[in-house]
N, C-alpha and C. Protein backbone atom coordinates (compact mmCIF):
# COMPACT_ATOMS: atom_id res chain seq x y z
N MET A 1 23.08 151.31 105.95
CA MET A 1 24.08 152.36 105.97
C MET A 1 23.44 153.62 105.40
N HIS A 2 23.68 154.72 106.04
CA HIS A 2 23.13 156.00 105.61
C HIS A 2 24.21 156.77 104.87
N ASP A 3 24.25 156.61 103.54
CA ASP A 3 25.26 157.28 102.74
C ASP A 3 25.10 158.79 102.76
N SER A 4 23.87 159.26 102.95
CA SER A 4 23.65 160.71 102.91
C SER A 4 24.31 161.42 104.09
N GLN A 5 24.56 160.71 105.19
CA GLN A 5 25.15 161.33 106.36
C GLN A 5 26.67 161.28 106.33
N LEU A 6 27.25 160.61 105.36
CA LEU A 6 28.70 160.52 105.24
C LEU A 6 29.21 161.57 104.27
N SER A 7 30.38 162.09 104.54
CA SER A 7 30.96 163.08 103.64
C SER A 7 31.51 162.39 102.40
N ALA A 8 31.85 163.20 101.40
CA ALA A 8 32.40 162.65 100.16
C ALA A 8 33.74 161.95 100.43
N GLN A 9 34.54 162.53 101.33
CA GLN A 9 35.82 161.91 101.66
C GLN A 9 35.63 160.58 102.39
N GLN A 10 34.64 160.52 103.28
CA GLN A 10 34.38 159.28 103.97
C GLN A 10 33.93 158.19 102.99
N LEU A 11 33.07 158.58 102.05
CA LEU A 11 32.62 157.62 101.03
C LEU A 11 33.78 157.16 100.17
N GLU A 12 34.69 158.07 99.85
CA GLU A 12 35.85 157.71 99.05
C GLU A 12 36.76 156.74 99.81
N VAL A 13 36.93 156.97 101.11
CA VAL A 13 37.73 156.05 101.94
C VAL A 13 37.08 154.68 101.98
N LEU A 14 35.77 154.64 102.19
CA LEU A 14 35.07 153.36 102.23
C LEU A 14 35.16 152.63 100.89
N ASP A 15 35.08 153.37 99.80
CA ASP A 15 35.20 152.76 98.47
C ASP A 15 36.59 152.15 98.28
N ALA A 16 37.62 152.89 98.70
CA ALA A 16 38.99 152.38 98.57
C ALA A 16 39.18 151.14 99.44
N LEU A 17 38.64 151.16 100.64
CA LEU A 17 38.76 150.00 101.52
C LEU A 17 38.02 148.79 100.94
N SER A 18 36.89 149.03 100.31
CA SER A 18 36.13 147.92 99.72
C SER A 18 36.89 147.30 98.55
N ARG A 19 37.76 148.06 97.92
CA ARG A 19 38.56 147.53 96.81
C ARG A 19 39.85 146.88 97.28
N GLY A 20 40.06 146.82 98.61
CA GLY A 20 41.21 146.11 99.14
C GLY A 20 42.36 146.98 99.60
N ALA A 21 42.19 148.28 99.62
CA ALA A 21 43.26 149.16 100.08
C ALA A 21 43.35 149.11 101.60
N ASN A 22 44.55 149.37 102.13
CA ASN A 22 44.66 149.49 103.59
C ASN A 22 44.33 150.93 103.98
N LEU A 23 44.33 151.21 105.28
CA LEU A 23 43.92 152.54 105.75
C LEU A 23 44.82 153.66 105.21
N THR A 24 46.11 153.41 105.16
CA THR A 24 47.04 154.43 104.67
C THR A 24 46.79 154.73 103.20
N GLN A 25 46.58 153.68 102.41
CA GLN A 25 46.31 153.87 100.99
C GLN A 25 44.97 154.56 100.77
N ALA A 26 43.96 154.16 101.54
CA ALA A 26 42.65 154.79 101.41
C ALA A 26 42.71 156.26 101.79
N ALA A 27 43.49 156.60 102.81
CA ALA A 27 43.63 158.00 103.21
C ALA A 27 44.30 158.79 102.10
N ALA A 28 45.32 158.22 101.47
CA ALA A 28 46.01 158.93 100.39
C ALA A 28 45.07 159.16 99.21
N GLN A 29 44.25 158.17 98.88
CA GLN A 29 43.31 158.32 97.76
C GLN A 29 42.25 159.37 98.03
N ALA A 30 41.86 159.51 99.31
CA ALA A 30 40.83 160.49 99.65
C ALA A 30 41.42 161.84 100.04
N SER A 31 42.74 161.95 99.98
CA SER A 31 43.45 163.19 100.33
C SER A 31 43.19 163.62 101.77
N VAL A 32 43.20 162.66 102.68
CA VAL A 32 43.09 162.95 104.11
C VAL A 32 44.23 162.22 104.81
N HIS A 33 44.50 162.62 106.04
CA HIS A 33 45.52 161.95 106.83
C HIS A 33 44.91 160.70 107.45
N ARG A 34 45.74 159.68 107.67
CA ARG A 34 45.20 158.44 108.24
C ARG A 34 44.67 158.65 109.66
N ASN A 35 45.18 159.66 110.37
CA ASN A 35 44.64 159.96 111.69
C ASN A 35 43.21 160.46 111.60
N THR A 36 42.86 161.10 110.48
CA THR A 36 41.49 161.55 110.27
C THR A 36 40.56 160.33 110.21
N ILE A 37 41.02 159.29 109.51
CA ILE A 37 40.21 158.07 109.44
C ILE A 37 40.09 157.45 110.83
N ALA A 38 41.17 157.44 111.58
CA ALA A 38 41.12 156.91 112.94
C ALA A 38 40.14 157.71 113.79
N ASN A 39 40.10 159.04 113.58
CA ASN A 39 39.15 159.88 114.30
C ASN A 39 37.72 159.55 113.90
N TRP A 40 37.48 159.34 112.60
CA TRP A 40 36.14 158.97 112.14
C TRP A 40 35.71 157.65 112.76
N ARG A 41 36.66 156.73 112.90
CA ARG A 41 36.34 155.41 113.44
C ARG A 41 35.89 155.49 114.89
N THR A 42 36.35 156.52 115.62
CA THR A 42 35.97 156.64 117.03
C THR A 42 34.84 157.63 117.28
N SER A 43 34.70 158.63 116.41
CA SER A 43 33.74 159.69 116.72
C SER A 43 32.51 159.73 115.83
N SER A 44 32.52 159.04 114.70
CA SER A 44 31.38 159.11 113.79
C SER A 44 30.63 157.78 113.77
N PRO A 45 29.46 157.72 114.41
CA PRO A 45 28.70 156.46 114.42
C PRO A 45 28.32 155.99 113.01
N GLN A 46 28.04 156.94 112.11
CA GLN A 46 27.68 156.54 110.74
C GLN A 46 28.87 155.89 110.04
N PHE A 47 30.06 156.46 110.21
CA PHE A 47 31.25 155.89 109.59
C PHE A 47 31.57 154.53 110.23
N GLN A 48 31.41 154.44 111.55
CA GLN A 48 31.63 153.17 112.24
C GLN A 48 30.72 152.08 111.67
N GLN A 49 29.45 152.41 111.51
CA GLN A 49 28.49 151.43 110.99
C GLN A 49 28.81 151.06 109.55
N ALA A 50 29.16 152.04 108.74
CA ALA A 50 29.50 151.75 107.35
C ALA A 50 30.75 150.88 107.27
N LEU A 51 31.72 151.15 108.11
CA LEU A 51 32.94 150.35 108.14
C LEU A 51 32.65 148.93 108.62
N ALA A 52 31.79 148.79 109.63
CA ALA A 52 31.42 147.47 110.13
C ALA A 52 30.69 146.67 109.05
N ASP A 53 29.79 147.33 108.32
CA ASP A 53 29.09 146.66 107.22
C ASP A 53 30.07 146.22 106.13
N LEU A 54 31.01 147.08 105.83
CA LEU A 54 32.03 146.77 104.82
C LEU A 54 32.87 145.57 105.25
N GLU A 55 33.31 145.56 106.51
CA GLU A 55 34.12 144.45 107.01
C GLU A 55 33.31 143.16 107.03
N SER A 56 32.03 143.24 107.36
CA SER A 56 31.17 142.06 107.35
C SER A 56 31.02 141.52 105.93
N ASP A 57 30.83 142.41 104.96
CA ASP A 57 30.71 141.98 103.57
C ASP A 57 32.00 141.32 103.08
N ARG A 58 33.13 141.91 103.44
CA ARG A 58 34.42 141.33 103.02
C ARG A 58 34.63 139.96 103.67
N ALA A 59 34.22 139.83 104.93
CA ALA A 59 34.37 138.54 105.61
C ALA A 59 33.53 137.47 104.92
N LEU A 60 32.33 137.83 104.48
CA LEU A 60 31.49 136.88 103.77
C LEU A 60 32.12 136.47 102.43
N ILE A 61 32.69 137.44 101.74
CA ILE A 61 33.34 137.14 100.46
C ILE A 61 34.52 136.21 100.67
N PHE A 62 35.34 136.49 101.68
CA PHE A 62 36.49 135.62 101.95
C PHE A 62 36.05 134.23 102.37
N ARG A 63 34.96 134.16 103.13
CA ARG A 63 34.45 132.84 103.54
C ARG A 63 33.98 132.05 102.33
N GLU A 64 33.28 132.70 101.41
CA GLU A 64 32.82 132.01 100.20
C GLU A 64 34.01 131.53 99.38
N ARG A 65 35.04 132.36 99.25
CA ARG A 65 36.23 131.96 98.50
C ARG A 65 36.92 130.77 99.17
N ALA A 66 37.00 130.81 100.50
CA ALA A 66 37.62 129.70 101.23
C ALA A 66 36.83 128.41 101.06
N GLN A 67 35.51 128.51 101.06
CA GLN A 67 34.68 127.32 100.87
C GLN A 67 34.87 126.75 99.47
N GLU A 68 35.05 127.62 98.48
CA GLU A 68 35.28 127.15 97.11
C GLU A 68 36.60 126.39 97.01
N LEU A 69 37.60 126.80 97.79
CA LEU A 69 38.92 126.17 97.73
C LEU A 69 39.09 125.02 98.72
N ALA A 70 38.11 124.78 99.58
CA ALA A 70 38.25 123.77 100.62
C ALA A 70 38.45 122.37 100.02
N ASP A 71 37.67 122.03 99.00
CA ASP A 71 37.82 120.69 98.40
C ASP A 71 39.22 120.51 97.83
N LEU A 72 39.73 121.52 97.16
CA LEU A 72 41.07 121.45 96.60
C LEU A 72 42.12 121.31 97.71
N ALA A 73 41.92 122.03 98.80
CA ALA A 73 42.86 121.96 99.92
C ALA A 73 42.86 120.56 100.53
N PHE A 74 41.69 119.97 100.70
CA PHE A 74 41.63 118.63 101.28
C PHE A 74 42.20 117.59 100.32
N ASP A 75 42.01 117.79 99.02
CA ASP A 75 42.64 116.89 98.05
C ASP A 75 44.16 116.98 98.15
N SER A 76 44.67 118.19 98.32
CA SER A 76 46.12 118.37 98.47
C SER A 76 46.63 117.70 99.74
N LEU A 77 45.87 117.85 100.81
CA LEU A 77 46.26 117.19 102.06
C LEU A 77 46.24 115.67 101.91
N ARG A 78 45.26 115.16 101.19
CA ARG A 78 45.18 113.72 100.95
C ARG A 78 46.41 113.24 100.20
N GLU A 79 46.84 114.01 99.19
CA GLU A 79 48.03 113.64 98.42
C GLU A 79 49.28 113.67 99.30
N VAL A 80 49.38 114.66 100.17
CA VAL A 80 50.54 114.74 101.07
C VAL A 80 50.56 113.54 102.00
N LEU A 81 49.39 113.15 102.54
CA LEU A 81 49.34 112.02 103.46
C LEU A 81 49.68 110.71 102.77
N LYS A 82 49.29 110.56 101.50
CA LYS A 82 49.54 109.31 100.78
C LYS A 82 50.94 109.22 100.19
N ASP A 83 51.59 110.35 100.00
CA ASP A 83 52.90 110.37 99.36
C ASP A 83 53.98 109.89 100.34
N PRO A 84 54.63 108.75 100.05
CA PRO A 84 55.67 108.27 100.96
C PRO A 84 56.92 109.15 100.95
N LYS A 85 57.07 109.99 99.94
CA LYS A 85 58.24 110.88 99.87
C LYS A 85 58.08 112.11 100.75
N SER A 86 56.85 112.38 101.22
CA SER A 86 56.64 113.53 102.12
C SER A 86 57.32 113.25 103.44
N SER A 87 57.85 114.30 104.04
CA SER A 87 58.52 114.11 105.32
C SER A 87 57.49 113.74 106.38
N PRO A 88 57.90 112.95 107.35
CA PRO A 88 56.95 112.56 108.40
C PRO A 88 56.35 113.75 109.15
N SER A 89 57.15 114.79 109.35
CA SER A 89 56.61 115.94 110.08
C SER A 89 55.51 116.65 109.29
N VAL A 90 55.68 116.73 107.97
CA VAL A 90 54.65 117.36 107.13
C VAL A 90 53.38 116.51 107.14
N ARG A 91 53.55 115.20 107.03
CA ARG A 91 52.37 114.32 107.05
C ARG A 91 51.68 114.38 108.40
N LEU A 92 52.46 114.46 109.48
CA LEU A 92 51.87 114.57 110.81
C LEU A 92 51.08 115.87 110.96
N LYS A 93 51.65 116.97 110.50
CA LYS A 93 50.94 118.26 110.59
C LYS A 93 49.66 118.23 109.77
N ALA A 94 49.70 117.61 108.59
CA ALA A 94 48.49 117.50 107.76
C ALA A 94 47.44 116.66 108.47
N ALA A 95 47.86 115.54 109.07
CA ALA A 95 46.92 114.68 109.78
C ALA A 95 46.31 115.40 110.98
N ILE A 96 47.12 116.12 111.73
CA ILE A 96 46.62 116.86 112.90
C ILE A 96 45.62 117.93 112.45
N PHE A 97 45.92 118.61 111.37
CA PHE A 97 45.00 119.64 110.87
C PHE A 97 43.65 119.02 110.51
N ILE A 98 43.69 117.89 109.82
CA ILE A 98 42.44 117.25 109.40
C ILE A 98 41.65 116.79 110.63
N ILE A 99 42.33 116.20 111.59
CA ILE A 99 41.63 115.72 112.79
C ILE A 99 41.03 116.89 113.56
N GLN A 100 41.78 117.98 113.71
CA GLN A 100 41.26 119.14 114.44
C GLN A 100 40.09 119.77 113.70
N THR A 101 40.14 119.74 112.38
CA THR A 101 39.04 120.31 111.59
C THR A 101 37.80 119.45 111.68
N ALA A 102 38.00 118.13 111.70
CA ALA A 102 36.86 117.22 111.71
C ALA A 102 36.21 117.10 113.08
N MET A 103 36.99 117.26 114.14
CA MET A 103 36.46 117.08 115.49
C MET A 103 35.90 118.39 116.02
N PRO A 104 34.77 118.32 116.72
CA PRO A 104 34.25 119.54 117.34
C PRO A 104 35.18 119.98 118.45
N SER A 105 35.18 121.29 118.71
CA SER A 105 36.10 121.83 119.70
C SER A 105 35.79 121.33 121.10
N SER A 106 34.52 121.21 121.46
CA SER A 106 34.14 120.65 122.75
C SER A 106 32.84 119.90 122.57
N PRO A 107 32.76 118.71 123.13
CA PRO A 107 31.54 117.94 122.96
C PRO A 107 30.37 118.63 123.65
N ALA A 108 29.25 118.63 122.98
CA ALA A 108 28.05 119.25 123.54
C ALA A 108 27.46 118.32 124.58
N LYS A 109 27.20 118.85 125.76
CA LYS A 109 26.62 118.05 126.82
C LYS A 109 25.11 118.28 126.81
N PRO A 110 24.35 117.20 126.80
CA PRO A 110 22.89 117.37 126.82
C PRO A 110 22.45 117.97 128.15
N LYS A 111 21.52 118.89 128.08
CA LYS A 111 21.03 119.54 129.29
C LYS A 111 20.04 118.64 130.02
N LYS A 112 19.27 117.87 129.25
CA LYS A 112 18.30 116.95 129.84
C LYS A 112 18.83 115.53 129.67
N PRO A 113 18.44 114.61 130.57
CA PRO A 113 18.88 113.23 130.38
C PRO A 113 18.30 112.66 129.09
N LEU A 114 19.10 111.86 128.42
CA LEU A 114 18.65 111.25 127.18
C LEU A 114 17.55 110.22 127.47
N VAL A 115 16.54 110.20 126.61
CA VAL A 115 15.42 109.28 126.79
C VAL A 115 15.30 108.43 125.55
N PHE A 116 15.14 107.12 125.74
CA PHE A 116 14.99 106.19 124.62
C PHE A 116 13.72 105.41 124.84
N ASN A 117 12.78 105.50 123.89
CA ASN A 117 11.48 104.82 123.99
C ASN A 117 10.76 105.18 125.29
N ASN A 118 10.77 106.46 125.60
CA ASN A 118 10.10 107.00 126.78
C ASN A 118 10.66 106.46 128.10
N ALA A 119 11.85 105.89 128.07
CA ALA A 119 12.49 105.42 129.30
C ALA A 119 13.87 106.04 129.38
N PRO A 120 14.23 106.57 130.54
CA PRO A 120 15.57 107.17 130.63
C PRO A 120 16.65 106.10 130.48
N LEU A 121 17.79 106.53 129.95
CA LEU A 121 18.92 105.62 129.79
C LEU A 121 19.46 105.24 131.15
N PRO A 122 20.03 104.04 131.27
CA PRO A 122 20.58 103.65 132.58
C PRO A 122 21.73 104.55 132.97
N ARG A 123 21.88 104.77 134.26
CA ARG A 123 22.94 105.64 134.76
C ARG A 123 24.28 104.94 134.63
N GLN A 124 25.29 105.74 134.43
CA GLN A 124 26.64 105.22 134.36
C GLN A 124 27.10 104.89 135.78
N PRO A 125 27.91 103.83 135.94
CA PRO A 125 28.41 103.54 137.29
C PRO A 125 29.30 104.68 137.77
N GLU A 126 29.25 104.91 139.07
CA GLU A 126 30.02 106.00 139.64
C GLU A 126 31.50 105.66 139.61
N ALA A 127 32.31 106.68 139.48
CA ALA A 127 33.75 106.48 139.46
C ALA A 127 34.21 106.05 140.84
N PRO A 128 35.26 105.22 140.90
CA PRO A 128 35.75 104.80 142.23
C PRO A 128 36.27 106.01 143.00
N ALA A 129 36.19 105.89 144.30
CA ALA A 129 36.64 106.99 145.16
C ALA A 129 38.13 107.20 144.99
N GLU A 130 38.54 108.44 145.08
CA GLU A 130 39.95 108.76 144.92
C GLU A 130 40.72 108.32 146.15
N PRO A 131 41.96 107.92 145.99
CA PRO A 131 42.76 107.57 147.16
C PRO A 131 42.95 108.79 148.06
N PRO A 132 43.17 108.56 149.35
CA PRO A 132 43.28 109.69 150.29
C PRO A 132 44.38 110.68 149.93
N LEU A 133 45.49 110.19 149.37
CA LEU A 133 46.58 111.09 149.02
C LEU A 133 46.13 112.08 147.95
N ALA A 134 45.37 111.61 146.96
CA ALA A 134 44.87 112.50 145.91
C ALA A 134 43.89 113.51 146.47
N GLN A 135 43.07 113.08 147.42
CA GLN A 135 42.13 114.02 148.04
C GLN A 135 42.87 115.11 148.81
N GLU A 136 43.95 114.71 149.52
CA GLU A 136 44.72 115.70 150.27
C GLU A 136 45.40 116.69 149.34
N CYS A 137 45.84 116.22 148.17
CA CYS A 137 46.48 117.12 147.21
C CYS A 137 45.48 118.16 146.73
N LYS A 138 44.25 117.73 146.45
CA LYS A 138 43.24 118.66 145.94
C LYS A 138 42.82 119.67 147.00
N THR A 139 42.71 119.23 148.24
CA THR A 139 42.25 120.13 149.28
C THR A 139 43.37 120.99 149.85
N GLY A 140 44.62 120.62 149.56
CA GLY A 140 45.74 121.41 150.04
C GLY A 140 46.21 121.00 151.42
N ASN A 141 45.69 119.90 151.98
CA ASN A 141 46.09 119.47 153.31
C ASN A 141 47.38 118.66 153.30
N LEU A 142 47.87 118.29 152.14
CA LEU A 142 49.04 117.43 152.05
C LEU A 142 50.26 118.10 152.67
N HIS A 143 50.47 119.36 152.41
CA HIS A 143 51.68 120.04 152.85
C HIS A 143 51.54 120.69 154.23
N LYS A 144 50.36 120.73 154.76
CA LYS A 144 50.19 121.36 156.07
C LYS A 144 50.87 120.55 157.16
N ASN A 145 50.83 119.22 157.03
CA ASN A 145 51.40 118.36 158.06
C ASN A 145 52.87 118.05 157.81
N ALA A 146 53.38 118.39 156.65
CA ALA A 146 54.77 118.10 156.33
C ALA A 146 55.69 119.04 157.10
N GLN A 147 56.91 118.53 157.45
CA GLN A 147 57.86 119.36 158.16
C GLN A 147 58.55 120.30 157.19
N LYS A 148 58.81 121.49 157.66
CA LYS A 148 59.49 122.47 156.82
C LYS A 148 60.98 122.16 156.82
N PRO A 149 61.64 122.27 155.67
CA PRO A 149 63.07 121.97 155.63
C PRO A 149 63.86 123.03 156.39
N GLU A 150 64.97 122.60 156.97
CA GLU A 150 65.84 123.51 157.70
C GLU A 150 66.60 124.38 156.70
N PRO A 151 66.83 125.66 157.02
CA PRO A 151 67.59 126.52 156.11
C PRO A 151 69.05 126.08 156.06
N TYR A 152 69.72 126.36 154.95
CA TYR A 152 71.12 126.00 154.76
C TYR A 152 71.98 126.87 155.66
N ARG A 153 72.90 126.25 156.38
CA ARG A 153 73.83 126.97 157.25
C ARG A 153 75.25 126.66 156.79
N ARG A 154 76.05 127.70 156.59
CA ARG A 154 77.45 127.51 156.20
C ARG A 154 78.27 127.09 157.40
N SER A 155 79.23 126.20 157.13
CA SER A 155 80.11 125.78 158.23
C SER A 155 81.13 126.86 158.53
N GLU A 156 81.53 127.62 157.51
CA GLU A 156 82.49 128.71 157.67
C GLU A 156 81.87 129.99 157.12
N PRO A 157 82.32 131.15 157.57
CA PRO A 157 81.74 132.38 157.03
C PRO A 157 82.07 132.53 155.54
N LYS A 158 81.20 133.20 154.83
CA LYS A 158 81.38 133.41 153.39
C LYS A 158 82.52 134.41 153.18
N ILE A 159 83.32 134.11 152.16
CA ILE A 159 84.44 134.99 151.84
C ILE A 159 84.01 135.87 150.68
N GLY A 160 84.10 137.18 150.86
CA GLY A 160 83.75 138.10 149.80
C GLY A 160 84.82 138.13 148.72
N ARG A 161 84.44 138.44 147.49
CA ARG A 161 85.38 138.46 146.37
C ARG A 161 86.52 139.45 146.58
N ASN A 162 86.23 140.58 147.20
CA ASN A 162 87.24 141.63 147.34
C ASN A 162 87.96 141.60 148.69
N GLU A 163 87.70 140.58 149.53
CA GLU A 163 88.39 140.46 150.80
C GLU A 163 89.76 139.82 150.57
N ALA A 164 90.62 139.94 151.56
CA ALA A 164 91.95 139.31 151.47
C ALA A 164 91.78 137.80 151.45
N CYS A 165 92.60 137.16 150.65
CA CYS A 165 92.50 135.71 150.49
C CYS A 165 92.89 135.02 151.79
N PRO A 166 92.14 133.99 152.22
CA PRO A 166 92.46 133.32 153.48
C PRO A 166 93.74 132.49 153.41
N CYS A 167 94.32 132.29 152.23
CA CYS A 167 95.56 131.50 152.13
C CYS A 167 96.77 132.31 152.61
N GLY A 168 96.63 133.62 152.77
CA GLY A 168 97.70 134.46 153.28
C GLY A 168 98.59 135.04 152.21
N SER A 169 98.18 135.01 150.93
CA SER A 169 99.03 135.52 149.85
C SER A 169 99.05 137.05 149.81
N GLY A 170 98.08 137.70 150.43
CA GLY A 170 98.01 139.15 150.42
C GLY A 170 97.21 139.68 149.24
N GLN A 171 96.77 138.83 148.34
CA GLN A 171 95.96 139.26 147.20
C GLN A 171 94.48 139.17 147.56
N LYS A 172 93.67 139.78 146.70
CA LYS A 172 92.23 139.65 146.88
C LYS A 172 91.84 138.20 146.57
N TYR A 173 90.77 137.76 147.21
CA TYR A 173 90.29 136.39 147.05
C TYR A 173 89.94 136.10 145.59
N LYS A 174 89.37 137.09 144.88
CA LYS A 174 88.96 136.86 143.49
C LYS A 174 90.16 136.66 142.58
N ARG A 175 91.33 137.20 142.92
CA ARG A 175 92.53 137.06 142.09
C ARG A 175 93.36 135.85 142.46
N CYS A 176 93.10 135.28 143.64
CA CYS A 176 93.97 134.21 144.14
C CYS A 176 93.24 132.86 144.12
N CYS A 177 92.45 132.58 145.10
CA CYS A 177 91.90 131.23 145.28
C CYS A 177 90.45 131.07 144.85
N LEU A 178 89.78 132.11 144.39
CA LEU A 178 88.37 131.98 144.03
C LEU A 178 88.18 130.95 142.94
N GLY A 179 88.95 131.03 141.86
CA GLY A 179 88.81 130.07 140.77
C GLY A 179 89.29 128.69 141.16
N LYS A 180 90.27 128.60 142.03
CA LYS A 180 90.82 127.31 142.46
C LYS A 180 89.81 126.53 143.27
N SER A 181 89.11 127.20 144.17
CA SER A 181 88.16 126.50 145.01
C SER A 181 86.95 126.04 144.20
N GLN A 182 86.58 126.77 143.17
CA GLN A 182 85.44 126.37 142.34
C GLN A 182 85.79 125.18 141.47
N THR A 183 87.01 125.16 140.91
CA THR A 183 87.40 124.04 140.06
C THR A 183 87.65 122.81 140.90
N ALA A 184 88.17 122.95 142.13
CA ALA A 184 88.42 121.81 142.98
C ALA A 184 87.12 121.19 143.46
N ALA A 185 86.10 122.04 143.66
CA ALA A 185 84.82 121.53 144.09
C ALA A 185 84.18 120.76 142.96
């Protein structure tokens, strides 16, 4: 970081941020507007680099703190799992967290075949062929040969809500028989 290329206000903002202040608080301490800091973040490569270094240092500090507390956290999880008074959902969440933490996110696939005593490992038997229906589903041919359903056709014309009721009462359909036909159906 090139401190000589940063202004006194920029250094003051960086100092406040390193002590845990947010951008608004750092701007107030340096007597600048927070938009000025936002402008520095986009237009000043030196400020960008200093801020990136600061964030990297803070991330390392937080990681070290988390590693110091990891043993205590796992001890707490162990107590929760062993305690019969803990609710099953809490114990399940603790167990899932431990399993997800212990398991790698995706198994690493070897790029080269594994070799044991200078001889390649035997090949795995091939998977059985998929049934034809599954193959058609994957290729999209399943629905090409299927018949298309016929569209719905009304036996009688649709009655609009504001039309005269077909019962002959002289009222609008919505005020007369609309609710009756729905409840009867």
